[in-house]
Amino acid sequence: MNHSKPTSPPTLPPDTLPPDPVHLGGAANRVQGRSWLEKLVVAATSVSVSTKIMGIVLGLTILLGLGITLQVRSIMYNTLINELHNQGISIAADLADRAAELVEEGDVDGLETLLRGTLDNYKDTRYALVLDEQGRLLAYSLITQ
């Protein structure tokens, strides 16, 4: 039986050792002076596969959420603008029907009362006016805040 003393593995001089992949100490020194893309590649290759997958899933989730949010905002904005336009046309048509007789009679006080009542009934309306066939102002009402 040979009872010799176990030998330790051979050691290399410190300047020949490869950089430690777990710590970026050595890699960080090599990254100085490189572009942001090269730095990103070094950072991406130094993490585990599960961390990379988690980053991809998180990035795609944020990107998809942002895209959907912008799409919904655009659709809602256009829909609300169209509804506001349609409401304005509806109010103007209603006002024109009710004001026709007062315009024929020349009842300016009645027109102003009608306009004030219209503004009271439609809280989003800020002003209303009635013009004659030549475009002259017959009556108006304005809400000031």
C-alpha atoms as a PDB file:
ATOM      1  CA  MET A   1       0.000   0.000   0.000  1.00  0.00           C
ATOM      2  CA  ASN A   2       1.300   3.359  -0.963  1.00  0.00           C
ATOM      3  CA  HIS A   3       0.681   6.069   1.613  1.00  0.00           C
ATOM      4  CA  SER A   4       2.062   9.000  -0.173  1.00  0.00           C
ATOM      5  CA  LYS A   5       1.029  12.496   0.559  1.00  0.00           C
ATOM      6  CA  PRO A   6      -1.711  13.886  -1.816  1.00  0.00           C
ATOM      7  CA  THR A   7      -0.418  16.535  -4.148  1.00  0.00           C
ATOM      8  CA  SER A   8      -2.243  19.806  -4.750  1.00  0.00           C
ATOM      9  CA  PRO A   9      -3.320  20.716  -8.276  1.00  0.00           C
ATOM     10  CA  PRO A  10      -0.916  22.850 -10.229  1.00  0.00           C
ATOM     11  CA  THR A  11      -1.505  26.609 -10.013  1.00  0.00           C
ATOM     12  CA  LEU A  12      -1.135  29.145 -12.775  1.00  0.00           C
ATOM     13  CA  PRO A  13       0.365  32.576 -12.351  1.00  0.00           C
ATOM     14  CA  PRO A  14      -2.359  35.271 -11.751  1.00  0.00           C
ATOM     15  CA  ASP A  15      -1.743  37.040 -15.074  1.00  0.00           C
ATOM     16  CA  THR A  16      -2.633  33.886 -17.087  1.00  0.00           C
ATOM     17  CA  LEU A  17      -5.980  33.211 -15.358  1.00  0.00           C
ATOM     18  CA  PRO A  18      -9.139  33.762 -17.469  1.00  0.00           C
ATOM     19  CA  PRO A  19     -11.514  36.477 -16.227  1.00  0.00           C
ATOM     20  CA  ASP A  20     -14.059  35.364 -13.660  1.00  0.00           C
ATOM     21  CA  PRO A  21     -17.398  34.953 -15.557  1.00  0.00           C
ATOM     22  CA  VAL A  22     -19.495  35.476 -12.423  1.00  0.00           C
ATOM     23  CA  HIS A  23     -18.054  38.875 -11.602  1.00  0.00           C
ATOM     24  CA  LEU A  24     -17.786  41.607 -14.168  1.00  0.00           C
ATOM     25  CA  GLY A  25     -14.562  42.923 -12.669  1.00  0.00           C
ATOM     26  CA  GLY A  26     -12.381  41.656 -15.481  1.00  0.00           C
ATOM     27  CA  ALA A  27     -15.107  42.117 -18.109  1.00  0.00           C
ATOM     28  CA  ALA A  28     -15.813  45.662 -16.950  1.00  0.00           C
ATOM     29  CA  ASN A  29     -12.212  46.625 -17.626  1.00  0.00           C
ATOM     30  CA  ARG A  30     -12.455  45.155 -21.139  1.00  0.00           C
ATOM     31  CA  VAL A  31     -15.781  46.985 -21.810  1.00  0.00           C
ATOM     32  CA  GLN A  32     -14.382  50.489 -21.373  1.00  0.00           C
ATOM     33  CA  GLY A  33     -14.226  52.284 -24.696  1.00  0.00           C
ATOM     34  CA  ARG A  34     -16.775  50.056 -26.406  1.00  0.00           C
ATOM     35  CA  SER A  35     -20.137  51.061 -27.855  1.00  0.00           C
ATOM     36  CA  TRP A  36     -23.369  50.679 -25.914  1.00  0.00           C
ATOM     37  CA  LEU A  37     -24.303  47.679 -28.051  1.00  0.00           C
ATOM     38  CA  GLU A  38     -21.095  45.866 -27.210  1.00  0.00           C
ATOM     39  CA  LYS A  39     -21.630  46.676 -23.521  1.00  0.00           C
ATOM     40  CA  LEU A  40     -25.166  45.270 -23.775  1.00  0.00           C
ATOM     41  CA  VAL A  41     -23.860  42.069 -25.352  1.00  0.00           C
ATOM     42  CA  VAL A  42     -21.299  41.652 -22.558  1.00  0.00           C
ATOM     43  CA  ALA A  43     -23.997  42.246 -19.927  1.00  0.00           C
ATOM     44  CA  ALA A  44     -26.430  39.857 -21.644  1.00  0.00           C
ATOM     45  CA  THR A  45     -23.890  37.062 -21.916  1.00  0.00           C
ATOM     46  CA  SER A  46     -22.981  37.284 -18.248  1.00  0.00           C
ATOM     47  CA  VAL A  47     -26.467  36.381 -16.907  1.00  0.00           C
ATOM     48  CA  SER A  48     -28.217  33.021 -16.720  1.00  0.00           C
ATOM     49  CA  VAL A  49     -30.662  31.740 -19.337  1.00  0.00           C
ATOM     50  CA  SER A  50     -33.619  32.048 -16.956  1.00  0.00           C
ATOM     51  CA  THR A  51     -32.771  35.714 -16.350  1.00  0.00           C
ATOM     52  CA  LYS A  52     -32.577  36.305 -20.111  1.00  0.00           C
ATOM     53  CA  ILE A  53     -35.981  34.666 -20.632  1.00  0.00           C
ATOM     54  CA  MET A  54     -37.450  36.738 -17.787  1.00  0.00           C
ATOM     55  CA  GLY A  55     -36.039  39.906 -19.375  1.00  0.00           C
ATOM     56  CA  ILE A  56     -37.463  39.023 -22.798  1.00  0.00           C
ATOM     57  CA  VAL A  57     -40.904  38.286 -21.327  1.00  0.00           C
ATOM     58  CA  LEU A  58     -40.865  41.503 -19.289  1.00  0.00           C
ATOM     59  CA  GLY A  59     -39.740  43.582 -22.261  1.00  0.00           C
ATOM     60  CA  LEU A  60     -42.389  42.153 -24.582  1.00  0.00           C
ATOM     61  CA  THR A  61     -45.085  42.618 -21.933  1.00  0.00           C
ATOM     62  CA  ILE A  62     -44.166  46.281 -21.490  1.00  0.00           C
ATOM     63  CA  LEU A  63     -43.963  46.829 -25.254  1.00  0.00           C
ATOM     64  CA  LEU A  64     -47.331  45.171 -25.881  1.00  0.00           C
ATOM     65  CA  GLY A  65     -48.981  47.083 -23.028  1.00  0.00           C
ATOM     66  CA  LEU A  66     -47.625  50.392 -24.300  1.00  0.00           C
ATOM     67  CA  GLY A  67     -48.776  49.644 -27.848  1.00  0.00           C
ATOM     68  CA  ILE A  68     -52.286  48.712 -26.748  1.00  0.00           C
ATOM     69  CA  THR A  69     -52.511  51.777 -24.519  1.00  0.00           C
ATOM     70  CA  LEU A  70     -51.558  54.105 -27.374  1.00  0.00           C
ATOM     71  CA  GLN A  71     -53.984  52.381 -29.747  1.00  0.00           C
ATOM     72  CA  VAL A  72     -56.898  52.659 -27.282  1.00  0.00           C
ATOM     73  CA  ARG A  73     -56.045  56.305 -26.567  1.00  0.00           C
ATOM     74  CA  SER A  74     -56.086  57.124 -30.280  1.00  0.00           C
ATOM     75  CA  ILE A  75     -59.401  55.358 -30.860  1.00  0.00           C
ATOM     76  CA  MET A  76     -61.024  56.985 -27.815  1.00  0.00           C
ATOM     77  CA  TYR A  77     -59.791  60.444 -28.820  1.00  0.00           C
ATOM     78  CA  ASN A  78     -61.193  60.135 -32.342  1.00  0.00           C
ATOM     79  CA  THR A  79     -64.486  58.706 -31.072  1.00  0.00           C
ATOM     80  CA  LEU A  80     -64.951  61.504 -28.528  1.00  0.00           C
ATOM     81  CA  ILE A  81     -64.123  64.211 -31.085  1.00  0.00           C
ATOM     82  CA  ASN A  82     -66.707  62.742 -33.488  1.00  0.00           C
ATOM     83  CA  GLU A  83     -69.335  62.556 -30.730  1.00  0.00           C
ATOM     84  CA  LEU A  84     -68.652  66.171 -29.756  1.00  0.00           C
ATOM     85  CA  HIS A  85     -69.065  67.235 -33.384  1.00  0.00           C
ATOM     86  CA  ASN A  86     -72.332  65.293 -33.708  1.00  0.00           C
ATOM     87  CA  GLN A  87     -73.637  66.792 -30.465  1.00  0.00           C
ATOM     88  CA  GLY A  88     -72.865  70.301 -31.755  1.00  0.00           C
ATOM     89  CA  ILE A  89     -74.756  69.630 -34.990  1.00  0.00           C
ATOM     90  CA  SER A  90     -77.704  68.252 -33.031  1.00  0.00           C
ATOM     91  CA  ILE A  91     -77.841  71.272 -30.716  1.00  0.00           C
ATOM     92  CA  ALA A  92     -77.581  73.677 -33.672  1.00  0.00           C
ATOM     93  CA  ALA A  93     -80.365  71.903 -35.576  1.00  0.00           C
ATOM     94  CA  ASP A  94     -82.639  71.938 -32.516  1.00  0.00           C
ATOM     95  CA  LEU A  95     -81.903  75.604 -31.879  1.00  0.00           C
ATOM     96  CA  ALA A  96     -82.516  76.528 -35.526  1.00  0.00           C
ATOM     97  CA  ASP A  97     -85.934  74.820 -35.488  1.00  0.00           C
ATOM     98  CA  ARG A  98     -87.008  76.565 -32.313  1.00  0.00           C
ATOM     99  CA  ALA A  99     -85.606  79.968 -33.326  1.00  0.00           C
ATOM    100  CA  ALA A 100     -87.136  80.146 -36.829  1.00  0.00           C
ATOM    101  CA  GLU A 101     -90.450  81.592 -35.694  1.00  0.00           C
ATOM    102  CA  LEU A 102     -88.777  84.096 -33.344  1.00  0.00           C
ATOM    103  CA  VAL A 103     -86.514  85.312 -36.172  1.00  0.00           C
ATOM    104  CA  GLU A 104     -89.523  85.838 -38.470  1.00  0.00           C
ATOM    105  CA  GLU A 105     -91.258  87.853 -35.741  1.00  0.00           C
ATOM    106  CA  GLY A 106     -88.078  89.837 -34.937  1.00  0.00           C
ATOM    107  CA  ASP A 107     -88.363  88.879 -31.254  1.00  0.00           C
ATOM    108  CA  VAL A 108     -84.782  89.526 -30.085  1.00  0.00           C
ATOM    109  CA  ASP A 109     -85.662  89.151 -26.381  1.00  0.00           C
ATOM    110  CA  GLY A 110     -87.286  85.794 -27.115  1.00  0.00           C
ATOM    111  CA  LEU A 111     -84.183  84.694 -29.049  1.00  0.00           C
ATOM    112  CA  GLU A 112     -81.877  85.638 -26.163  1.00  0.00           C
ATOM    113  CA  THR A 113     -84.130  83.767 -23.725  1.00  0.00           C
ATOM    114  CA  LEU A 114     -84.046  80.733 -26.021  1.00  0.00           C
ATOM    115  CA  LEU A 115     -80.246  80.911 -26.250  1.00  0.00           C
ATOM    116  CA  ARG A 116     -79.821  81.199 -22.469  1.00  0.00           C
ATOM    117  CA  GLY A 117     -82.142  78.220 -21.992  1.00  0.00           C
ATOM    118  CA  THR A 118     -80.125  76.216 -24.513  1.00  0.00           C
ATOM    119  CA  LEU A 119     -76.893  76.994 -22.667  1.00  0.00           C
ATOM    120  CA  ASP A 120     -78.513  75.998 -19.373  1.00  0.00           C
ATOM    121  CA  ASN A 121     -79.677  72.654 -20.817  1.00  0.00           C
ATOM    122  CA  TYR A 122     -76.364  71.775 -22.477  1.00  0.00           C
ATOM    123  CA  LYS A 123     -73.639  72.306 -19.879  1.00  0.00           C
ATOM    124  CA  ASP A 124     -70.807  71.620 -22.376  1.00  0.00           C
ATOM    125  CA  THR A 125     -71.944  74.495 -24.622  1.00  0.00           C
ATOM    126  CA  ARG A 126     -70.166  77.796 -23.964  1.00  0.00           C
ATOM    127  CA  TYR A 127     -71.936  80.140 -26.382  1.00  0.00           C
ATOM    128  CA  ALA A 128     -74.799  80.275 -28.865  1.00  0.00           C
ATOM    129  CA  LEU A 129     -75.714  82.862 -31.469  1.00  0.00           C
ATOM    130  CA  VAL A 130     -78.330  83.472 -34.145  1.00  0.00           C
ATOM    131  CA  LEU A 131     -77.542  85.078 -37.498  1.00  0.00           C
ATOM    132  CA  ASP A 132     -79.953  86.297 -40.136  1.00  0.00           C
ATOM    133  CA  GLU A 133     -79.814  85.369 -43.841  1.00  0.00           C
ATOM    134  CA  GLN A 134     -77.243  88.090 -44.528  1.00  0.00           C
ATOM    135  CA  GLY A 135     -74.994  86.873 -41.682  1.00  0.00           C
ATOM    136  CA  ARG A 136     -75.831  89.728 -39.291  1.00  0.00           C
ATOM    137  CA  LEU A 137     -75.917  88.946 -35.591  1.00  0.00           C
ATOM    138  CA  LEU A 138     -79.464  88.923 -34.210  1.00  0.00           C
ATOM    139  CA  ALA A 139     -78.845  87.542 -30.712  1.00  0.00           C
ATOM    140  CA  TYR A 140     -76.140  85.785 -28.738  1.00  0.00           C
ATOM    141  CA  SER A 141     -75.538  84.313 -25.329  1.00  0.00           C
ATOM    142  CA  LEU A 142     -72.195  83.590 -23.719  1.00  0.00           C
ATOM    143  CA  ILE A 143     -71.249  81.767 -20.532  1.00  0.00           C
ATOM    144  CA  THR A 144     -68.380  83.429 -18.673  1.00  0.00           C
ATOM    145  CA  GLN A 145     -66.596  81.696 -15.846  1.00  0.00           C
END
